[in-house]
Amino acid sequence: MNLDRSGLLAPLMVAAALAAGTFWLDRLSRLPDATREANTGGKPDVTMERFHATQTGEHGVAQYLVTAAKMQHYQQGNYTDLFTVEMTDLTPNQAPMRIVAEDVRMSHNDETFYFNGVTHLKRNPDAQRSALHLITSKLWVWPKKGLSTTDQAVEIRDDYMHVTAVGMDLDRNNGTIKLKSRVRATYVKPPV
C-alpha cells in the first residue's frame, strides 16, 4: 500500500494550527491581569499612613501643603494615590485656599492632582472678598501654575451669591472663575 504524503501533511498542519491556536488563546486569556496591573501601576512600592508634605518655592517659602490619611506610591505608573486628603494653597498675597476630597491621584509627570469623589474647595475671606465654598465631584489642580478645572457640576457660595454650573476654570493668579455651561446665579444684596 502506497500512502500519499500530501494526505499525511494536511492532518499534521491542522494539528499544528490547533496547537498554535490553543497557545495563543492561553496567552490571550492571561492578558487582562497583566493589563490591569499595568493600568493600576501594579502593587505600591511605598505605603504611608498619616502622610504630610510641604511644597516650597525657590526661596524656601511654602507654596502648598498636602495631608492624607494614607498615601500609596506606584513606581510603575509614576503616580501617587492619596486617601482622605486636604491640600492647602498658600499662594503669596492671596487668602489661603483648602481643597478637601475623598481621594486624589497625583501624576508626577505634570504635577497634576486629580481630586475624585465629593470635593470641597474653600477660600478664606480677605480684605476684598468674603469666604468662598465650592463643591464638585471631580477637580484637576495644577498647584504650581495656580490653575484648577472641572467638567462636572459645581456649586459655589459666598456671602453674596449662590451659583450652580457645569464645568469651571479657576485661575488663582488672576482671582477669576470661568463657568462653562448651565450657569444659574442668585445674588444677595449686601447689608447697608
N, C-alpha and C. Protein backbone atom coordinates (compact mmCIF):
# COMPACT_ATOMS: atom_id res chain seq x y z
N MET A 1 0.81 -1.16 0.00
CA MET A 1 0.00 0.00 0.00
C MET A 1 0.87 1.24 0.00
N ASN A 2 0.61 2.16 -0.88
CA ASN A 2 1.41 3.35 -1.03
C ASN A 2 0.58 4.55 -0.53
N LEU A 3 1.06 5.21 0.55
CA LEU A 3 0.36 6.36 1.11
C LEU A 3 0.84 7.64 0.46
N ASP A 4 -0.08 8.50 0.18
CA ASP A 4 0.24 9.79 -0.42
C ASP A 4 0.72 10.73 0.70
N ARG A 5 1.89 11.31 0.54
CA ARG A 5 2.45 12.19 1.56
C ARG A 5 1.60 13.45 1.79
N SER A 6 0.99 13.94 0.75
CA SER A 6 0.16 15.14 0.92
C SER A 6 -1.05 14.84 1.79
N GLY A 7 -1.52 13.60 1.79
CA GLY A 7 -2.63 13.21 2.64
C GLY A 7 -2.24 13.20 4.10
N LEU A 8 -0.97 12.92 4.42
CA LEU A 8 -0.48 12.93 5.79
C LEU A 8 -0.13 14.35 6.26
N LEU A 9 0.30 15.16 5.33
CA LEU A 9 0.71 16.51 5.68
C LEU A 9 -0.46 17.39 6.12
N ALA A 10 -1.62 17.22 5.53
CA ALA A 10 -2.79 18.04 5.87
C ALA A 10 -3.21 17.85 7.33
N PRO A 11 -3.34 16.61 7.86
CA PRO A 11 -3.70 16.47 9.27
C PRO A 11 -2.63 17.03 10.22
N LEU A 12 -1.37 16.90 9.82
CA LEU A 12 -0.29 17.45 10.66
C LEU A 12 -0.38 18.98 10.72
N MET A 13 -0.70 19.61 9.60
CA MET A 13 -0.82 21.07 9.57
C MET A 13 -2.03 21.52 10.41
N VAL A 14 -3.13 20.78 10.34
CA VAL A 14 -4.31 21.12 11.15
C VAL A 14 -3.98 20.98 12.63
N ALA A 15 -3.25 19.92 13.01
CA ALA A 15 -2.87 19.72 14.41
C ALA A 15 -1.93 20.85 14.88
N ALA A 16 -1.00 21.25 14.02
CA ALA A 16 -0.08 22.34 14.37
C ALA A 16 -0.85 23.66 14.53
N ALA A 17 -1.80 23.90 13.64
CA ALA A 17 -2.61 25.12 13.74
C ALA A 17 -3.45 25.11 15.01
N LEU A 18 -4.00 23.96 15.37
CA LEU A 18 -4.76 23.86 16.61
C LEU A 18 -3.87 24.09 17.82
N ALA A 19 -2.66 23.57 17.80
CA ALA A 19 -1.73 23.78 18.92
C ALA A 19 -1.36 25.26 19.03
N ALA A 20 -1.09 25.90 17.89
CA ALA A 20 -0.74 27.32 17.90
C ALA A 20 -1.94 28.15 18.39
N GLY A 21 -3.15 27.79 17.94
CA GLY A 21 -4.34 28.50 18.39
C GLY A 21 -4.59 28.33 19.88
N THR A 22 -4.35 27.13 20.39
CA THR A 22 -4.50 26.88 21.83
C THR A 22 -3.50 27.70 22.61
N PHE A 23 -2.24 27.76 22.15
CA PHE A 23 -1.21 28.56 22.82
C PHE A 23 -1.59 30.03 22.80
N TRP A 24 -2.08 30.52 21.65
CA TRP A 24 -2.47 31.93 21.53
C TRP A 24 -3.64 32.25 22.45
N LEU A 25 -4.67 31.37 22.51
CA LEU A 25 -5.81 31.59 23.40
C LEU A 25 -5.39 31.57 24.87
N ASP A 26 -4.46 30.70 25.22
CA ASP A 26 -3.96 30.64 26.59
C ASP A 26 -3.27 31.96 26.95
N ARG A 27 -2.44 32.48 26.07
CA ARG A 27 -1.75 33.75 26.31
C ARG A 27 -2.75 34.91 26.36
N LEU A 28 -3.74 34.88 25.49
CA LEU A 28 -4.74 35.94 25.45
C LEU A 28 -5.58 35.95 26.73
N SER A 29 -5.89 34.79 27.26
CA SER A 29 -6.70 34.73 28.47
C SER A 29 -5.96 35.28 29.69
N ARG A 30 -4.66 35.37 29.61
CA ARG A 30 -3.88 35.92 30.72
C ARG A 30 -3.69 37.44 30.61
N LEU A 31 -4.01 38.04 29.49
CA LEU A 31 -3.78 39.46 29.28
C LEU A 31 -4.53 40.38 30.23
N PRO A 32 -5.80 40.13 30.56
CA PRO A 32 -6.48 41.10 31.44
C PRO A 32 -5.77 41.33 32.76
N ASP A 33 -5.21 40.31 33.38
CA ASP A 33 -4.48 40.50 34.63
C ASP A 33 -3.27 41.38 34.41
N ALA A 34 -2.51 41.11 33.36
CA ALA A 34 -1.31 41.91 33.07
C ALA A 34 -1.71 43.34 32.72
N THR A 35 -2.79 43.48 31.94
CA THR A 35 -3.25 44.81 31.57
C THR A 35 -3.73 45.57 32.79
N ARG A 36 -4.47 44.88 33.68
CA ARG A 36 -4.96 45.54 34.89
C ARG A 36 -3.79 46.02 35.74
N GLU A 37 -2.77 45.20 35.88
CA GLU A 37 -1.60 45.62 36.67
C GLU A 37 -0.91 46.80 36.03
N ALA A 38 -0.83 46.81 34.69
CA ALA A 38 -0.18 47.94 34.01
C ALA A 38 -0.98 49.21 34.22
N ASN A 39 -2.32 49.12 34.18
CA ASN A 39 -3.15 50.31 34.36
C ASN A 39 -3.15 50.83 35.79
N THR A 40 -3.05 49.93 36.75
CA THR A 40 -3.08 50.36 38.14
C THR A 40 -1.68 50.60 38.69
N GLY A 41 -0.67 50.32 37.89
CA GLY A 41 0.70 50.53 38.36
C GLY A 41 1.22 49.37 39.19
N GLY A 42 0.48 48.24 39.18
CA GLY A 42 0.92 47.10 39.96
C GLY A 42 0.69 47.34 41.44
N LYS A 43 1.57 46.78 42.24
CA LYS A 43 1.47 46.97 43.68
C LYS A 43 2.26 48.21 44.08
N PRO A 44 1.80 48.94 45.11
CA PRO A 44 2.54 50.14 45.52
C PRO A 44 3.92 49.77 46.06
N ASP A 45 4.90 50.61 45.73
CA ASP A 45 6.25 50.37 46.25
C ASP A 45 6.44 51.07 47.59
N VAL A 46 5.60 52.08 47.90
CA VAL A 46 5.66 52.77 49.18
C VAL A 46 4.22 53.01 49.65
N THR A 47 3.95 52.68 50.90
CA THR A 47 2.66 52.98 51.53
C THR A 47 2.96 53.69 52.84
N MET A 48 2.20 54.76 53.12
CA MET A 48 2.45 55.53 54.33
C MET A 48 1.11 55.96 54.94
N GLU A 49 0.99 55.84 56.23
CA GLU A 49 -0.17 56.33 56.96
C GLU A 49 0.15 57.74 57.47
N ARG A 50 -0.89 58.58 57.63
CA ARG A 50 -0.75 59.96 58.13
C ARG A 50 0.33 60.71 57.34
N PHE A 51 0.12 60.81 56.05
CA PHE A 51 1.07 61.46 55.13
C PHE A 51 0.97 62.98 55.26
N HIS A 52 2.11 63.65 55.22
CA HIS A 52 2.17 65.12 55.26
C HIS A 52 3.34 65.57 54.38
N ALA A 53 3.07 66.51 53.47
CA ALA A 53 4.13 67.03 52.60
C ALA A 53 3.95 68.53 52.42
N THR A 54 5.07 69.24 52.28
CA THR A 54 5.06 70.67 52.02
C THR A 54 5.87 70.93 50.76
N GLN A 55 5.27 71.62 49.79
CA GLN A 55 5.99 72.02 48.57
C GLN A 55 6.46 73.46 48.78
N THR A 56 7.75 73.68 48.63
CA THR A 56 8.30 75.02 48.80
C THR A 56 8.75 75.59 47.48
N GLY A 57 8.83 76.91 47.42
CA GLY A 57 9.29 77.60 46.22
C GLY A 57 10.80 77.80 46.25
N GLU A 58 11.27 78.67 45.39
CA GLU A 58 12.71 78.92 45.23
C GLU A 58 13.38 79.36 46.52
N HIS A 59 12.72 80.18 47.30
CA HIS A 59 13.33 80.76 48.50
C HIS A 59 12.91 80.04 49.78
N GLY A 60 12.39 78.83 49.65
CA GLY A 60 12.00 78.04 50.81
C GLY A 60 10.66 78.41 51.41
N VAL A 61 9.89 79.25 50.72
CA VAL A 61 8.57 79.65 51.21
C VAL A 61 7.56 78.57 50.80
N ALA A 62 6.72 78.14 51.73
CA ALA A 62 5.73 77.09 51.45
C ALA A 62 4.73 77.57 50.40
N GLN A 63 4.53 76.75 49.34
CA GLN A 63 3.55 77.04 48.30
C GLN A 63 2.23 76.34 48.58
N TYR A 64 2.33 75.07 48.95
CA TYR A 64 1.13 74.33 49.34
C TYR A 64 1.50 73.18 50.26
N LEU A 65 0.50 72.77 51.05
CA LEU A 65 0.64 71.66 51.99
C LEU A 65 -0.34 70.57 51.59
N VAL A 66 0.06 69.31 51.74
CA VAL A 66 -0.83 68.19 51.45
C VAL A 66 -0.78 67.23 52.63
N THR A 67 -1.94 66.88 53.16
CA THR A 67 -2.03 65.85 54.20
C THR A 67 -3.02 64.80 53.73
N ALA A 68 -2.79 63.56 54.13
CA ALA A 68 -3.69 62.46 53.77
C ALA A 68 -3.63 61.39 54.84
N ALA A 69 -4.74 60.70 55.01
CA ALA A 69 -4.77 59.60 55.97
C ALA A 69 -3.86 58.47 55.50
N LYS A 70 -3.77 58.30 54.16
CA LYS A 70 -2.95 57.22 53.61
C LYS A 70 -2.40 57.64 52.26
N MET A 71 -1.17 57.22 51.98
CA MET A 71 -0.51 57.50 50.70
C MET A 71 0.04 56.20 50.15
N GLN A 72 -0.15 55.98 48.84
CA GLN A 72 0.45 54.83 48.16
C GLN A 72 1.12 55.33 46.88
N HIS A 73 2.41 55.05 46.74
CA HIS A 73 3.16 55.46 45.55
C HIS A 73 3.37 54.24 44.66
N TYR A 74 3.21 54.45 43.35
CA TYR A 74 3.37 53.39 42.36
C TYR A 74 4.52 53.76 41.42
N GLN A 75 5.61 53.05 41.55
CA GLN A 75 6.80 53.31 40.72
C GLN A 75 6.49 53.06 39.25
N GLN A 76 5.76 51.96 38.98
CA GLN A 76 5.49 51.55 37.60
C GLN A 76 4.75 52.63 36.82
N GLY A 77 3.76 53.27 37.42
CA GLY A 77 2.99 54.30 36.72
C GLY A 77 3.45 55.71 37.03
N ASN A 78 4.41 55.87 37.96
CA ASN A 78 4.93 57.16 38.38
C ASN A 78 3.81 58.10 38.85
N TYR A 79 2.97 57.57 39.76
CA TYR A 79 1.92 58.38 40.36
C TYR A 79 1.75 57.98 41.82
N THR A 80 1.00 58.80 42.55
CA THR A 80 0.72 58.57 43.96
C THR A 80 -0.77 58.69 44.20
N ASP A 81 -1.35 57.76 44.94
CA ASP A 81 -2.74 57.84 45.36
C ASP A 81 -2.78 58.29 46.81
N LEU A 82 -3.63 59.26 47.10
CA LEU A 82 -3.81 59.78 48.46
C LEU A 82 -5.27 59.59 48.84
N PHE A 83 -5.52 59.25 50.12
CA PHE A 83 -6.87 58.98 50.59
C PHE A 83 -7.19 59.87 51.79
N THR A 84 -8.42 60.41 51.82
CA THR A 84 -8.87 61.38 52.83
C THR A 84 -7.86 62.53 52.86
N VAL A 85 -7.97 63.38 51.86
CA VAL A 85 -6.92 64.36 51.53
C VAL A 85 -7.35 65.79 51.84
N GLU A 86 -6.37 66.59 52.28
CA GLU A 86 -6.55 68.03 52.40
C GLU A 86 -5.32 68.71 51.80
N MET A 87 -5.58 69.62 50.85
CA MET A 87 -4.49 70.40 50.25
C MET A 87 -4.75 71.86 50.59
N THR A 88 -3.74 72.57 51.06
CA THR A 88 -3.86 73.99 51.36
C THR A 88 -2.92 74.77 50.45
N ASP A 89 -3.49 75.66 49.65
CA ASP A 89 -2.73 76.51 48.74
C ASP A 89 -2.35 77.78 49.49
N LEU A 90 -1.06 78.07 49.51
CA LEU A 90 -0.55 79.23 50.24
C LEU A 90 0.05 80.27 49.30
N THR A 91 -0.60 80.52 48.18
CA THR A 91 -0.12 81.50 47.21
C THR A 91 0.09 82.84 47.90
N PRO A 92 1.27 83.45 47.76
CA PRO A 92 1.54 84.74 48.41
C PRO A 92 0.53 85.80 48.00
N ASN A 93 0.21 86.70 48.91
CA ASN A 93 -0.70 87.82 48.70
C ASN A 93 -2.12 87.39 48.34
N GLN A 94 -2.50 86.15 48.67
CA GLN A 94 -3.84 85.65 48.44
C GLN A 94 -4.33 84.98 49.71
N ALA A 95 -5.64 84.97 49.91
CA ALA A 95 -6.20 84.26 51.06
C ALA A 95 -5.95 82.77 50.88
N PRO A 96 -5.59 82.05 51.94
CA PRO A 96 -5.38 80.60 51.81
C PRO A 96 -6.63 79.90 51.27
N MET A 97 -6.39 78.84 50.51
CA MET A 97 -7.48 78.08 49.91
C MET A 97 -7.24 76.60 50.22
N ARG A 98 -8.27 75.92 50.72
CA ARG A 98 -8.16 74.50 51.06
C ARG A 98 -9.03 73.68 50.14
N ILE A 99 -8.54 72.49 49.77
CA ILE A 99 -9.32 71.53 49.00
C ILE A 99 -9.34 70.25 49.82
N VAL A 100 -10.54 69.73 50.06
CA VAL A 100 -10.72 68.50 50.82
C VAL A 100 -11.46 67.51 49.92
N ALA A 101 -10.93 66.27 49.84
CA ALA A 101 -11.55 65.26 48.98
C ALA A 101 -11.34 63.86 49.55
N GLU A 102 -12.13 62.93 49.03
CA GLU A 102 -12.04 61.54 49.45
C GLU A 102 -10.73 60.91 49.00
N ASP A 103 -10.40 61.10 47.72
CA ASP A 103 -9.14 60.56 47.23
C ASP A 103 -8.60 61.41 46.09
N VAL A 104 -7.29 61.31 45.92
CA VAL A 104 -6.57 62.10 44.91
C VAL A 104 -5.52 61.22 44.26
N ARG A 105 -5.37 61.37 42.96
CA ARG A 105 -4.25 60.76 42.26
C ARG A 105 -3.34 61.89 41.81
N MET A 106 -2.08 61.79 42.17
CA MET A 106 -1.10 62.81 41.79
C MET A 106 -0.18 62.23 40.72
N SER A 107 -0.18 62.87 39.56
CA SER A 107 0.72 62.48 38.48
C SER A 107 2.03 63.22 38.65
N HIS A 108 3.13 62.48 38.68
CA HIS A 108 4.43 63.12 38.86
C HIS A 108 4.99 63.70 37.56
N ASN A 109 4.44 63.25 36.42
CA ASN A 109 4.93 63.75 35.13
C ASN A 109 4.61 65.23 34.93
N ASP A 110 3.36 65.63 35.22
CA ASP A 110 2.98 67.03 35.00
C ASP A 110 2.50 67.70 36.29
N GLU A 111 2.74 67.06 37.43
CA GLU A 111 2.38 67.60 38.74
C GLU A 111 0.92 68.02 38.79
N THR A 112 0.05 67.10 38.32
CA THR A 112 -1.39 67.31 38.35
C THR A 112 -1.98 66.52 39.50
N PHE A 113 -2.91 67.14 40.23
CA PHE A 113 -3.68 66.46 41.27
C PHE A 113 -5.07 66.22 40.71
N TYR A 114 -5.51 64.95 40.68
CA TYR A 114 -6.85 64.59 40.22
C TYR A 114 -7.69 64.27 41.45
N PHE A 115 -8.52 65.21 41.89
CA PHE A 115 -9.40 65.02 43.05
C PHE A 115 -10.66 64.30 42.59
N ASN A 116 -11.03 63.24 43.31
CA ASN A 116 -12.21 62.44 42.96
C ASN A 116 -13.16 62.36 44.14
N GLY A 117 -14.42 62.08 43.84
CA GLY A 117 -15.43 62.00 44.89
C GLY A 117 -15.86 63.40 45.29
N VAL A 118 -16.63 63.50 46.35
CA VAL A 118 -17.09 64.81 46.81
C VAL A 118 -15.87 65.66 47.16
N THR A 119 -15.72 66.79 46.48
CA THR A 119 -14.56 67.66 46.64
C THR A 119 -15.02 69.05 47.07
N HIS A 120 -14.48 69.51 48.19
CA HIS A 120 -14.81 70.84 48.71
C HIS A 120 -13.60 71.75 48.55
N LEU A 121 -13.81 72.92 47.97
CA LEU A 121 -12.78 73.93 47.86
C LEU A 121 -13.24 75.13 48.69
N LYS A 122 -12.43 75.56 49.64
CA LYS A 122 -12.81 76.69 50.50
C LYS A 122 -11.70 77.73 50.48
N ARG A 123 -12.10 78.98 50.16
CA ARG A 123 -11.16 80.09 50.20
C ARG A 123 -11.51 80.95 51.41
N ASN A 124 -10.51 81.24 52.21
CA ASN A 124 -10.73 82.09 53.38
C ASN A 124 -11.09 83.50 52.95
N PRO A 125 -11.78 84.26 53.78
CA PRO A 125 -12.07 85.66 53.44
C PRO A 125 -10.79 86.50 53.51
N ASP A 126 -10.78 87.59 52.76
CA ASP A 126 -9.69 88.55 52.87
C ASP A 126 -10.30 89.95 52.89
N ALA A 127 -9.49 90.96 52.76
CA ALA A 127 -9.97 92.35 52.86
C ALA A 127 -10.97 92.70 51.75
N GLN A 128 -10.83 92.09 50.56
CA GLN A 128 -11.70 92.44 49.44
C GLN A 128 -12.86 91.47 49.22
N ARG A 129 -12.73 90.22 49.68
CA ARG A 129 -13.72 89.20 49.34
C ARG A 129 -14.16 88.42 50.57
N SER A 130 -15.40 87.91 50.49
CA SER A 130 -15.89 87.04 51.56
C SER A 130 -15.37 85.61 51.33
N ALA A 131 -15.60 84.74 52.29
CA ALA A 131 -15.20 83.34 52.15
C ALA A 131 -15.96 82.72 50.98
N LEU A 132 -15.32 81.79 50.29
CA LEU A 132 -15.93 81.12 49.13
C LEU A 132 -15.92 79.62 49.40
N HIS A 133 -17.02 78.94 49.06
CA HIS A 133 -17.11 77.50 49.21
C HIS A 133 -17.60 76.92 47.89
N LEU A 134 -16.84 76.00 47.32
CA LEU A 134 -17.16 75.36 46.04
C LEU A 134 -17.24 73.86 46.27
N ILE A 135 -18.24 73.21 45.68
CA ILE A 135 -18.38 71.75 45.78
C ILE A 135 -18.50 71.19 44.37
N THR A 136 -17.77 70.10 44.10
CA THR A 136 -17.87 69.39 42.83
C THR A 136 -17.50 67.93 43.07
N SER A 137 -17.59 67.11 42.03
CA SER A 137 -17.28 65.68 42.19
C SER A 137 -15.94 65.29 41.58
N LYS A 138 -15.33 66.20 40.85
CA LYS A 138 -14.04 65.91 40.23
C LYS A 138 -13.34 67.24 39.99
N LEU A 139 -12.05 67.30 40.29
CA LEU A 139 -11.32 68.56 40.12
C LEU A 139 -9.86 68.26 39.77
N TRP A 140 -9.37 68.86 38.69
CA TRP A 140 -7.96 68.76 38.33
C TRP A 140 -7.28 70.03 38.83
N VAL A 141 -6.15 69.86 39.51
CA VAL A 141 -5.46 71.01 40.09
C VAL A 141 -3.98 70.96 39.71
N TRP A 142 -3.46 72.11 39.24
CA TRP A 142 -2.04 72.29 38.98
C TRP A 142 -1.57 73.37 39.96
N PRO A 143 -1.16 72.99 41.17
CA PRO A 143 -0.88 73.99 42.21
C PRO A 143 0.26 74.94 41.87
N LYS A 144 1.28 74.47 41.19
CA LYS A 144 2.40 75.37 40.85
C LYS A 144 1.98 76.43 39.84
N LYS A 145 1.01 76.10 38.98
CA LYS A 145 0.51 77.05 37.98
C LYS A 145 -0.64 77.90 38.53
N GLY A 146 -1.23 77.47 39.66
CA GLY A 146 -2.36 78.20 40.23
C GLY A 146 -3.66 77.97 39.48
N LEU A 147 -3.79 76.83 38.79
CA LEU A 147 -4.95 76.56 37.96
C LEU A 147 -5.72 75.34 38.47
N SER A 148 -7.05 75.38 38.31
CA SER A 148 -7.92 74.25 38.63
C SER A 148 -9.02 74.22 37.58
N THR A 149 -9.53 73.02 37.28
CA THR A 149 -10.61 72.89 36.31
C THR A 149 -11.46 71.67 36.62
N THR A 150 -12.70 71.70 36.15
CA THR A 150 -13.58 70.54 36.22
C THR A 150 -14.54 70.60 35.05
N ASP A 151 -15.04 69.43 34.64
CA ASP A 151 -16.09 69.36 33.63
C ASP A 151 -17.39 68.88 34.26
N GLN A 152 -17.42 68.79 35.57
CA GLN A 152 -18.58 68.32 36.32
C GLN A 152 -19.40 69.49 36.87
N ALA A 153 -20.54 69.15 37.46
CA ALA A 153 -21.39 70.16 38.09
C ALA A 153 -20.66 70.80 39.26
N VAL A 154 -20.81 72.10 39.42
CA VAL A 154 -20.20 72.83 40.54
C VAL A 154 -21.27 73.67 41.23
N GLU A 155 -21.09 73.84 42.52
CA GLU A 155 -21.93 74.74 43.30
C GLU A 155 -20.99 75.66 44.05
N ILE A 156 -21.21 76.98 43.90
CA ILE A 156 -20.34 77.98 44.52
C ILE A 156 -21.19 78.90 45.38
N ARG A 157 -20.71 79.13 46.61
CA ARG A 157 -21.40 80.04 47.53
C ARG A 157 -20.40 80.97 48.19
N ASP A 158 -20.83 82.22 48.37
CA ASP A 158 -20.13 83.14 49.26
C ASP A 158 -21.20 83.96 49.97
N ASP A 159 -20.83 85.02 50.63
CA ASP A 159 -21.80 85.80 51.39
C ASP A 159 -22.86 86.48 50.51
N TYR A 160 -22.58 86.66 49.22
CA TYR A 160 -23.44 87.45 48.36
C TYR A 160 -24.03 86.71 47.17
N MET A 161 -23.66 85.45 46.97
CA MET A 161 -24.17 84.74 45.80
C MET A 161 -24.23 83.25 46.02
N HIS A 162 -25.07 82.61 45.20
CA HIS A 162 -25.14 81.16 45.10
C HIS A 162 -25.19 80.85 43.61
N VAL A 163 -24.19 80.09 43.12
CA VAL A 163 -24.06 79.82 41.69
C VAL A 163 -23.97 78.32 41.48
N THR A 164 -24.69 77.82 40.46
CA THR A 164 -24.50 76.44 40.02
C THR A 164 -24.14 76.49 38.54
N ALA A 165 -23.33 75.52 38.10
CA ALA A 165 -22.91 75.46 36.70
C ALA A 165 -22.37 74.08 36.41
N VAL A 166 -22.10 73.82 35.15
CA VAL A 166 -21.41 72.60 34.74
C VAL A 166 -20.11 73.04 34.08
N GLY A 167 -19.01 72.63 34.69
CA GLY A 167 -17.69 73.00 34.19
C GLY A 167 -17.23 74.33 34.72
N MET A 168 -15.91 74.39 35.01
CA MET A 168 -15.35 75.60 35.60
C MET A 168 -13.85 75.62 35.42
N ASP A 169 -13.29 76.80 35.22
CA ASP A 169 -11.84 77.02 35.24
C ASP A 169 -11.56 78.06 36.30
N LEU A 170 -10.65 77.75 37.21
CA LEU A 170 -10.28 78.68 38.28
C LEU A 170 -8.82 79.06 38.09
N ASP A 171 -8.55 80.35 38.00
CA ASP A 171 -7.18 80.85 37.88
C ASP A 171 -6.84 81.59 39.17
N ARG A 172 -6.05 80.96 40.00
CA ARG A 172 -5.70 81.52 41.31
C ARG A 172 -4.86 82.79 41.16
N ASN A 173 -4.04 82.86 40.13
CA ASN A 173 -3.17 84.01 39.91
C ASN A 173 -3.96 85.28 39.63
N ASN A 174 -5.03 85.16 38.82
CA ASN A 174 -5.86 86.32 38.47
C ASN A 174 -7.06 86.47 39.38
N GLY A 175 -7.34 85.46 40.21
CA GLY A 175 -8.51 85.50 41.08
C GLY A 175 -9.81 85.39 40.31
N THR A 176 -9.82 84.62 39.20
CA THR A 176 -11.01 84.52 38.37
C THR A 176 -11.54 83.09 38.33
N ILE A 177 -12.86 82.98 38.18
CA ILE A 177 -13.53 81.70 37.97
C ILE A 177 -14.35 81.84 36.70
N LYS A 178 -14.10 80.98 35.72
CA LYS A 178 -14.84 80.99 34.46
C LYS A 178 -15.78 79.78 34.48
N LEU A 179 -17.09 80.03 34.41
CA LEU A 179 -18.09 78.97 34.40
C LEU A 179 -18.41 78.63 32.95
N LYS A 180 -18.57 77.33 32.65
CA LYS A 180 -18.65 76.90 31.25
C LYS A 180 -20.07 76.77 30.70
N SER A 181 -21.00 76.15 31.45
CA SER A 181 -22.35 75.97 30.90
C SER A 181 -23.37 75.81 32.02
N ARG A 182 -24.65 75.92 31.65
CA ARG A 182 -25.78 75.77 32.57
C ARG A 182 -25.61 76.60 33.84
N VAL A 183 -25.25 77.83 33.68
CA VAL A 183 -24.98 78.72 34.81
C VAL A 183 -26.28 79.29 35.35
N ARG A 184 -26.46 79.19 36.65
CA ARG A 184 -27.60 79.80 37.34
C ARG A 184 -27.04 80.49 38.57
N ALA A 185 -27.42 81.75 38.78
CA ALA A 185 -26.88 82.51 39.89
C ALA A 185 -27.99 83.25 40.63
N THR A 186 -27.81 83.32 41.93
CA THR A 186 -28.69 84.11 42.79
C THR A 186 -27.80 85.08 43.55
N TYR A 187 -28.12 86.35 43.44
CA TYR A 187 -27.33 87.39 44.09
C TYR A 187 -28.07 87.86 45.33
N VAL A 188 -27.34 88.01 46.43
CA VAL A 188 -27.91 88.51 47.68
C VAL A 188 -27.34 89.89 47.90
N LYS A 189 -28.21 90.89 48.02
CA LYS A 189 -27.75 92.26 48.23
C LYS A 189 -27.07 92.38 49.58
N PRO A 190 -25.86 92.95 49.62
CA PRO A 190 -25.18 93.08 50.91
C PRO A 190 -25.90 94.06 51.83
N PRO A 191 -25.83 93.83 53.13
CA PRO A 191 -26.48 94.77 54.06
C PRO A 191 -25.83 96.14 53.98
N VAL A 192 -26.64 97.17 54.15
CA VAL A 192 -26.14 98.56 54.06
C VAL A 192 -25.64 99.01 55.39
